[in-house]
Amino acid sequence: MAPLQANIFGDHGTRNISSYNYHTNEVEFIANIPSAGVGSKNGISSFGTDLDGNIFILKLYGTDLDGGKIYKILPAAPIADPPTLLSQTGAFTNLIALTPRSGMMPYTVNSPFGLMPPSRRDGSPFRITDRTTHHLKE
């Protein structure tokens, strides 16, 4: 795995893993560790690397419980370009009437746009990037 050129950090409570690049002032969400176990010790415990530079995350199982899991951060799989035409998506049975294919679910925007971005203690903003760049393997 190529070096990420950033600091990796995690939040014990939310189990979110992120990276921070101090050259670009960018924070990138990497993954969320699945929830399993009980109690306040059900979260990220530590990080480690091997001789090949792979990054591992230790997650505890729970308060007063033995065990846990080790996850390995893997590079993201390549993402194919989206279709250029609506007709190529297969989402509609009739493009003129825009009749959705069976199984399609309607949606609405559930969050207003223009939310305040997170910032550092000195008030300078973080830049949030794509949230789907890595995945985890147990």
N, C-alpha and C. Protein backbone atom coordinates (compact mmCIF):
# COMPACT_ATOMS: atom_id res chain seq x y z
N MET A 1 0.85 -1.18 0.00
CA MET A 1 0.00 0.00 0.00
C MET A 1 0.89 1.23 0.00
N ALA A 2 0.61 2.17 -0.87
CA ALA A 2 1.39 3.41 -0.93
C ALA A 2 1.11 4.25 0.31
N PRO A 3 2.12 4.97 0.81
CA PRO A 3 1.88 5.83 1.98
C PRO A 3 0.78 6.84 1.72
N LEU A 4 -0.03 7.11 2.76
CA LEU A 4 -1.13 8.05 2.61
C LEU A 4 -0.68 9.50 2.69
N GLN A 5 0.54 9.76 3.18
CA GLN A 5 1.06 11.12 3.31
C GLN A 5 0.15 11.99 4.17
N ALA A 6 -0.40 11.41 5.21
CA ALA A 6 -1.28 12.14 6.10
C ALA A 6 -1.27 11.48 7.47
N ASN A 7 -1.75 12.18 8.47
CA ASN A 7 -1.90 11.60 9.80
C ASN A 7 -3.26 10.91 9.89
N ILE A 8 -3.26 9.69 10.39
CA ILE A 8 -4.49 8.92 10.56
C ILE A 8 -4.93 9.06 12.00
N PHE A 9 -6.24 9.28 12.21
CA PHE A 9 -6.75 9.38 13.57
C PHE A 9 -8.14 8.79 13.63
N GLY A 10 -8.57 8.44 14.83
CA GLY A 10 -9.88 7.84 14.99
C GLY A 10 -10.57 8.37 16.23
N ASP A 11 -11.89 8.26 16.23
CA ASP A 11 -12.70 8.67 17.36
C ASP A 11 -13.25 7.42 18.03
N HIS A 12 -12.89 7.22 19.29
CA HIS A 12 -13.30 6.03 20.03
C HIS A 12 -14.82 5.89 20.09
N GLY A 13 -15.51 6.99 20.33
CA GLY A 13 -16.96 6.94 20.51
C GLY A 13 -17.73 6.68 19.23
N THR A 14 -17.39 7.38 18.15
CA THR A 14 -18.13 7.22 16.89
C THR A 14 -17.55 6.12 16.02
N ARG A 15 -16.32 5.71 16.32
CA ARG A 15 -15.58 4.69 15.55
C ARG A 15 -15.24 5.18 14.14
N ASN A 16 -15.21 6.50 13.92
CA ASN A 16 -14.83 7.07 12.62
C ASN A 16 -13.32 7.14 12.50
N ILE A 17 -12.81 6.77 11.33
CA ILE A 17 -11.39 6.86 11.01
C ILE A 17 -11.24 7.95 9.96
N SER A 18 -10.31 8.87 10.15
CA SER A 18 -10.09 9.97 9.21
C SER A 18 -8.60 10.20 9.06
N SER A 19 -8.25 10.99 8.06
CA SER A 19 -6.86 11.41 7.89
C SER A 19 -6.81 12.92 7.83
N TYR A 20 -5.67 13.46 8.22
CA TYR A 20 -5.46 14.90 8.15
C TYR A 20 -4.13 15.15 7.45
N ASN A 21 -4.16 15.93 6.37
CA ASN A 21 -2.97 16.31 5.64
C ASN A 21 -2.67 17.76 5.99
N TYR A 22 -1.60 17.97 6.77
CA TYR A 22 -1.31 19.34 7.22
C TYR A 22 -0.75 20.21 6.11
N HIS A 23 -0.28 19.62 4.99
CA HIS A 23 0.19 20.43 3.85
C HIS A 23 -0.99 21.09 3.13
N THR A 24 -2.09 20.35 3.00
CA THR A 24 -3.25 20.87 2.26
C THR A 24 -4.38 21.29 3.19
N ASN A 25 -4.22 21.04 4.50
CA ASN A 25 -5.26 21.35 5.49
C ASN A 25 -6.54 20.57 5.20
N GLU A 26 -6.40 19.36 4.68
CA GLU A 26 -7.54 18.53 4.30
C GLU A 26 -7.81 17.44 5.33
N VAL A 27 -9.07 17.28 5.71
CA VAL A 27 -9.51 16.15 6.52
C VAL A 27 -10.30 15.24 5.60
N GLU A 28 -9.97 13.96 5.60
CA GLU A 28 -10.66 13.00 4.74
C GLU A 28 -11.22 11.86 5.58
N PHE A 29 -12.53 11.66 5.52
CA PHE A 29 -13.16 10.52 6.17
C PHE A 29 -12.70 9.27 5.44
N ILE A 30 -12.25 8.26 6.19
CA ILE A 30 -11.79 7.01 5.57
C ILE A 30 -12.82 5.92 5.73
N ALA A 31 -13.29 5.69 6.95
CA ALA A 31 -14.22 4.60 7.18
C ALA A 31 -14.82 4.71 8.57
N ASN A 32 -15.85 3.93 8.81
CA ASN A 32 -16.44 3.79 10.13
C ASN A 32 -16.32 2.33 10.52
N ILE A 33 -15.74 2.08 11.69
CA ILE A 33 -15.59 0.71 12.19
C ILE A 33 -16.96 0.22 12.64
N PRO A 34 -17.36 -0.98 12.21
CA PRO A 34 -18.68 -1.49 12.61
C PRO A 34 -18.83 -1.60 14.12
N SER A 35 -20.05 -1.42 14.59
CA SER A 35 -20.35 -1.53 16.01
C SER A 35 -20.57 -2.99 16.37
N ALA A 36 -19.93 -3.42 17.42
CA ALA A 36 -20.13 -4.76 17.98
C ALA A 36 -19.63 -4.69 19.41
N GLY A 37 -20.30 -5.33 20.31
CA GLY A 37 -19.89 -5.28 21.70
C GLY A 37 -20.75 -4.32 22.48
N VAL A 38 -20.40 -4.16 23.75
CA VAL A 38 -21.21 -3.34 24.65
C VAL A 38 -20.32 -2.51 25.56
N GLY A 39 -20.88 -1.46 26.10
CA GLY A 39 -20.18 -0.66 27.08
C GLY A 39 -19.33 0.44 26.47
N SER A 40 -18.72 1.22 27.35
CA SER A 40 -17.96 2.38 26.90
C SER A 40 -16.63 2.02 26.23
N LYS A 41 -16.17 0.80 26.38
CA LYS A 41 -14.91 0.39 25.74
C LYS A 41 -15.15 -0.29 24.40
N ASN A 42 -16.29 -0.06 23.80
CA ASN A 42 -16.64 -0.61 22.50
C ASN A 42 -16.24 0.40 21.44
N GLY A 43 -14.96 0.45 21.10
CA GLY A 43 -14.50 1.43 20.13
C GLY A 43 -13.05 1.22 19.75
N ILE A 44 -12.50 2.18 19.04
CA ILE A 44 -11.13 2.10 18.55
C ILE A 44 -10.17 2.19 19.73
N SER A 45 -9.20 1.29 19.75
CA SER A 45 -8.20 1.28 20.80
C SER A 45 -6.87 1.84 20.32
N SER A 46 -6.42 1.38 19.15
CA SER A 46 -5.10 1.80 18.69
C SER A 46 -4.92 1.52 17.21
N PHE A 47 -3.82 2.04 16.67
CA PHE A 47 -3.45 1.84 15.27
C PHE A 47 -2.08 1.17 15.24
N GLY A 48 -1.78 0.51 14.14
CA GLY A 48 -0.47 -0.09 13.96
C GLY A 48 -0.15 -0.24 12.49
N THR A 49 1.10 -0.52 12.19
CA THR A 49 1.52 -0.76 10.81
C THR A 49 2.38 -2.01 10.77
N ASP A 50 2.51 -2.60 9.59
CA ASP A 50 3.43 -3.70 9.41
C ASP A 50 4.63 -3.22 8.59
N LEU A 51 5.55 -4.12 8.28
CA LEU A 51 6.76 -3.75 7.55
C LEU A 51 6.47 -3.28 6.12
N ASP A 52 5.31 -3.64 5.58
CA ASP A 52 4.94 -3.20 4.23
C ASP A 52 4.22 -1.86 4.23
N GLY A 53 4.00 -1.26 5.41
CA GLY A 53 3.33 0.03 5.48
C GLY A 53 1.82 -0.06 5.56
N ASN A 54 1.26 -1.27 5.66
CA ASN A 54 -0.18 -1.42 5.82
C ASN A 54 -0.60 -0.86 7.18
N ILE A 55 -1.80 -0.29 7.23
CA ILE A 55 -2.30 0.32 8.46
C ILE A 55 -3.39 -0.58 9.04
N PHE A 56 -3.28 -0.86 10.34
CA PHE A 56 -4.24 -1.70 11.04
C PHE A 56 -4.88 -0.91 12.18
N ILE A 57 -6.13 -1.26 12.49
CA ILE A 57 -6.89 -0.61 13.56
C ILE A 57 -7.37 -1.69 14.51
N LEU A 58 -7.13 -1.50 15.81
CA LEU A 58 -7.62 -2.43 16.83
C LEU A 58 -8.87 -1.84 17.44
N LYS A 59 -9.96 -2.61 17.41
CA LYS A 59 -11.23 -2.20 18.02
C LYS A 59 -11.53 -3.14 19.17
N LEU A 60 -11.79 -2.58 20.33
CA LEU A 60 -12.15 -3.38 21.50
C LEU A 60 -13.58 -3.86 21.39
N TYR A 61 -13.88 -5.01 22.04
CA TYR A 61 -15.22 -5.57 21.97
C TYR A 61 -16.17 -4.92 22.95
N GLY A 62 -15.69 -4.56 24.13
CA GLY A 62 -16.61 -3.93 25.07
C GLY A 62 -16.07 -3.91 26.48
N THR A 63 -16.78 -3.25 27.35
CA THR A 63 -16.39 -3.10 28.74
C THR A 63 -16.31 -4.46 29.43
N ASP A 64 -15.17 -4.71 30.08
CA ASP A 64 -14.93 -5.95 30.84
C ASP A 64 -15.12 -7.21 30.01
N LEU A 65 -14.90 -7.12 28.70
CA LEU A 65 -15.02 -8.28 27.83
C LEU A 65 -13.70 -8.53 27.12
N ASP A 66 -13.37 -9.81 26.97
CA ASP A 66 -12.16 -10.15 26.23
C ASP A 66 -12.43 -10.03 24.75
N GLY A 67 -11.39 -9.78 24.00
CA GLY A 67 -11.50 -9.81 22.55
C GLY A 67 -11.62 -8.45 21.91
N GLY A 68 -11.70 -8.50 20.62
CA GLY A 68 -11.80 -7.32 19.79
C GLY A 68 -11.57 -7.75 18.35
N LYS A 69 -11.38 -6.79 17.48
CA LYS A 69 -11.12 -7.10 16.07
C LYS A 69 -10.00 -6.22 15.57
N ILE A 70 -9.29 -6.74 14.59
CA ILE A 70 -8.25 -5.97 13.91
C ILE A 70 -8.72 -5.76 12.48
N TYR A 71 -8.71 -4.50 12.04
CA TYR A 71 -9.11 -4.14 10.69
C TYR A 71 -7.90 -3.63 9.94
N LYS A 72 -7.88 -3.85 8.65
CA LYS A 72 -6.81 -3.36 7.79
C LYS A 72 -7.42 -2.35 6.81
N ILE A 73 -6.79 -1.18 6.68
CA ILE A 73 -7.25 -0.19 5.71
C ILE A 73 -6.72 -0.57 4.34
N LEU A 74 -7.62 -0.71 3.39
CA LEU A 74 -7.26 -1.07 2.02
C LEU A 74 -7.54 0.09 1.09
N PRO A 75 -6.78 0.20 0.00
CA PRO A 75 -7.10 1.25 -0.98
C PRO A 75 -8.48 1.01 -1.57
N ALA A 76 -9.12 2.07 -1.96
CA ALA A 76 -10.45 1.96 -2.54
C ALA A 76 -10.38 1.29 -3.91
N ALA A 77 -11.42 0.56 -4.22
CA ALA A 77 -11.54 -0.02 -5.56
C ALA A 77 -11.83 1.11 -6.54
N PRO A 78 -11.36 0.98 -7.77
CA PRO A 78 -11.65 2.04 -8.75
C PRO A 78 -13.16 2.20 -8.94
N ILE A 79 -13.57 3.43 -9.13
CA ILE A 79 -14.99 3.73 -9.34
C ILE A 79 -15.21 4.04 -10.81
N ALA A 80 -16.15 3.31 -11.41
CA ALA A 80 -16.44 3.51 -12.83
C ALA A 80 -17.11 4.85 -13.05
N ASP A 81 -16.90 5.41 -14.23
CA ASP A 81 -17.58 6.66 -14.59
C ASP A 81 -19.08 6.41 -14.65
N PRO A 82 -19.88 7.37 -14.20
CA PRO A 82 -21.33 7.19 -14.28
C PRO A 82 -21.80 7.24 -15.73
N PRO A 83 -22.98 6.70 -16.02
CA PRO A 83 -23.51 6.76 -17.38
C PRO A 83 -23.66 8.21 -17.83
N THR A 84 -23.44 8.44 -19.11
CA THR A 84 -23.58 9.81 -19.63
C THR A 84 -25.02 10.14 -19.99
N LEU A 85 -25.84 9.13 -20.21
CA LEU A 85 -27.24 9.35 -20.59
C LEU A 85 -28.16 8.73 -19.55
N LEU A 86 -29.27 9.38 -19.27
CA LEU A 86 -30.26 8.86 -18.34
C LEU A 86 -30.76 7.49 -18.78
N SER A 87 -30.88 7.28 -20.08
CA SER A 87 -31.36 6.00 -20.60
C SER A 87 -30.40 4.85 -20.27
N GLN A 88 -29.15 5.16 -19.99
CA GLN A 88 -28.16 4.11 -19.68
C GLN A 88 -28.19 3.68 -18.22
N THR A 89 -28.95 4.36 -17.39
CA THR A 89 -28.98 4.02 -15.97
C THR A 89 -29.88 2.84 -15.66
N GLY A 90 -30.90 2.62 -16.48
CA GLY A 90 -31.86 1.55 -16.21
C GLY A 90 -32.83 1.91 -15.10
N ALA A 91 -32.87 3.17 -14.70
CA ALA A 91 -33.72 3.59 -13.59
C ALA A 91 -35.17 3.80 -13.99
N PHE A 92 -35.45 3.95 -15.30
CA PHE A 92 -36.80 4.25 -15.75
C PHE A 92 -37.27 3.24 -16.79
N THR A 93 -38.55 2.90 -16.72
CA THR A 93 -39.14 2.03 -17.75
C THR A 93 -39.66 2.85 -18.91
N ASN A 94 -39.95 4.13 -18.66
CA ASN A 94 -40.41 5.03 -19.72
C ASN A 94 -39.73 6.38 -19.50
N LEU A 95 -38.79 6.72 -20.40
CA LEU A 95 -38.03 7.95 -20.24
C LEU A 95 -38.84 9.21 -20.53
N ILE A 96 -39.84 9.11 -21.40
CA ILE A 96 -40.64 10.28 -21.73
C ILE A 96 -41.50 10.68 -20.53
N ALA A 97 -42.13 9.69 -19.90
CA ALA A 97 -42.98 9.96 -18.73
C ALA A 97 -42.17 9.91 -17.42
N LEU A 98 -40.90 9.51 -17.52
CA LEU A 98 -40.04 9.31 -16.36
C LEU A 98 -40.68 8.37 -15.33
N THR A 99 -41.15 7.23 -15.83
CA THR A 99 -41.73 6.20 -14.97
C THR A 99 -40.60 5.38 -14.35
N PRO A 100 -40.47 5.43 -13.03
CA PRO A 100 -39.36 4.70 -12.40
C PRO A 100 -39.55 3.19 -12.49
N ARG A 101 -38.44 2.49 -12.59
CA ARG A 101 -38.44 1.03 -12.59
C ARG A 101 -38.92 0.53 -11.23
N SER A 102 -39.55 -0.61 -11.19
CA SER A 102 -40.02 -1.21 -9.94
C SER A 102 -38.84 -1.33 -8.96
N GLY A 103 -39.10 -0.96 -7.72
CA GLY A 103 -38.06 -1.06 -6.70
C GLY A 103 -37.33 0.25 -6.45
N MET A 104 -37.51 1.24 -7.30
CA MET A 104 -36.88 2.54 -7.08
C MET A 104 -37.62 3.27 -5.94
N MET A 105 -36.88 3.94 -5.09
CA MET A 105 -37.49 4.62 -3.95
C MET A 105 -37.42 6.13 -4.16
N PRO A 106 -38.53 6.84 -3.92
CA PRO A 106 -38.48 8.30 -4.03
C PRO A 106 -37.66 8.88 -2.88
N TYR A 107 -37.13 10.07 -3.10
CA TYR A 107 -36.36 10.72 -2.05
C TYR A 107 -36.58 12.23 -2.11
N THR A 108 -36.22 12.87 -1.01
CA THR A 108 -36.20 14.32 -0.96
C THR A 108 -34.93 14.72 -0.23
N VAL A 109 -34.50 15.94 -0.40
CA VAL A 109 -33.32 16.42 0.31
C VAL A 109 -33.72 16.60 1.77
N ASN A 110 -32.99 15.95 2.68
CA ASN A 110 -33.36 16.00 4.09
C ASN A 110 -32.45 16.89 4.92
N SER A 111 -31.59 17.64 4.25
CA SER A 111 -30.67 18.50 4.97
C SER A 111 -30.48 19.80 4.19
N PRO A 112 -30.57 20.94 4.85
CA PRO A 112 -30.38 22.19 4.12
C PRO A 112 -28.94 22.34 3.65
N PHE A 113 -28.77 23.03 2.56
CA PHE A 113 -27.44 23.28 2.04
C PHE A 113 -26.83 24.47 2.77
N GLY A 114 -25.53 24.61 2.68
CA GLY A 114 -24.85 25.76 3.27
C GLY A 114 -24.55 25.61 4.74
N LEU A 115 -24.41 24.38 5.24
CA LEU A 115 -24.06 24.19 6.64
C LEU A 115 -22.65 24.70 6.90
N MET A 116 -22.38 25.13 8.11
CA MET A 116 -21.05 25.62 8.46
C MET A 116 -20.05 24.47 8.45
N PRO A 117 -18.91 24.62 7.79
CA PRO A 117 -17.90 23.56 7.80
C PRO A 117 -17.21 23.50 9.15
N PRO A 118 -16.67 22.33 9.52
CA PRO A 118 -15.93 22.25 10.78
C PRO A 118 -14.67 23.10 10.70
N SER A 119 -14.16 23.52 11.84
CA SER A 119 -12.94 24.32 11.84
C SER A 119 -12.02 23.86 12.96
N ARG A 120 -10.77 24.24 12.85
CA ARG A 120 -9.77 23.91 13.86
C ARG A 120 -9.87 24.90 15.01
N ARG A 121 -9.12 24.64 16.06
CA ARG A 121 -9.16 25.52 17.24
C ARG A 121 -8.78 26.95 16.90
N ASP A 122 -7.88 27.13 15.92
CA ASP A 122 -7.48 28.49 15.58
C ASP A 122 -8.48 29.18 14.65
N GLY A 123 -9.59 28.49 14.32
CA GLY A 123 -10.64 29.09 13.49
C GLY A 123 -10.49 28.84 12.00
N SER A 124 -9.32 28.31 11.56
CA SER A 124 -9.17 28.05 10.12
C SER A 124 -9.95 26.80 9.75
N PRO A 125 -10.61 26.78 8.59
CA PRO A 125 -11.49 25.66 8.24
C PRO A 125 -10.73 24.43 7.77
N PHE A 126 -11.31 23.27 8.00
CA PHE A 126 -10.86 22.03 7.39
C PHE A 126 -11.47 21.95 6.01
N ARG A 127 -10.84 21.27 5.10
CA ARG A 127 -11.46 20.95 3.82
C ARG A 127 -11.89 19.49 3.88
N ILE A 128 -13.17 19.22 3.73
CA ILE A 128 -13.69 17.86 3.78
C ILE A 128 -13.70 17.32 2.36
N THR A 129 -13.17 16.11 2.19
CA THR A 129 -13.10 15.51 0.86
C THR A 129 -13.99 14.29 0.78
N ASP A 130 -13.93 13.60 -0.33
CA ASP A 130 -14.74 12.42 -0.61
C ASP A 130 -14.73 11.44 0.56
N ARG A 131 -15.91 10.94 0.92
CA ARG A 131 -16.04 10.04 2.06
C ARG A 131 -16.01 8.56 1.66
N THR A 132 -15.62 8.23 0.45
CA THR A 132 -15.65 6.83 0.03
C THR A 132 -14.33 6.39 -0.58
N THR A 133 -13.22 6.84 -0.02
CA THR A 133 -11.95 6.54 -0.66
C THR A 133 -11.28 5.26 -0.17
N HIS A 134 -11.70 4.70 0.93
CA HIS A 134 -11.08 3.49 1.47
C HIS A 134 -12.16 2.57 2.01
N HIS A 135 -11.79 1.31 2.18
CA HIS A 135 -12.71 0.39 2.84
C HIS A 135 -11.90 -0.48 3.80
N LEU A 136 -12.58 -1.20 4.66
CA LEU A 136 -11.94 -1.98 5.71
C LEU A 136 -12.06 -3.46 5.42
N LYS A 137 -11.08 -4.21 5.93
CA LYS A 137 -11.11 -5.67 5.84
C LYS A 137 -10.76 -6.22 7.20
N GLU A 138 -11.56 -7.15 7.70
CA GLU A 138 -11.26 -7.77 8.99
C GLU A 138 -10.14 -8.76 8.79
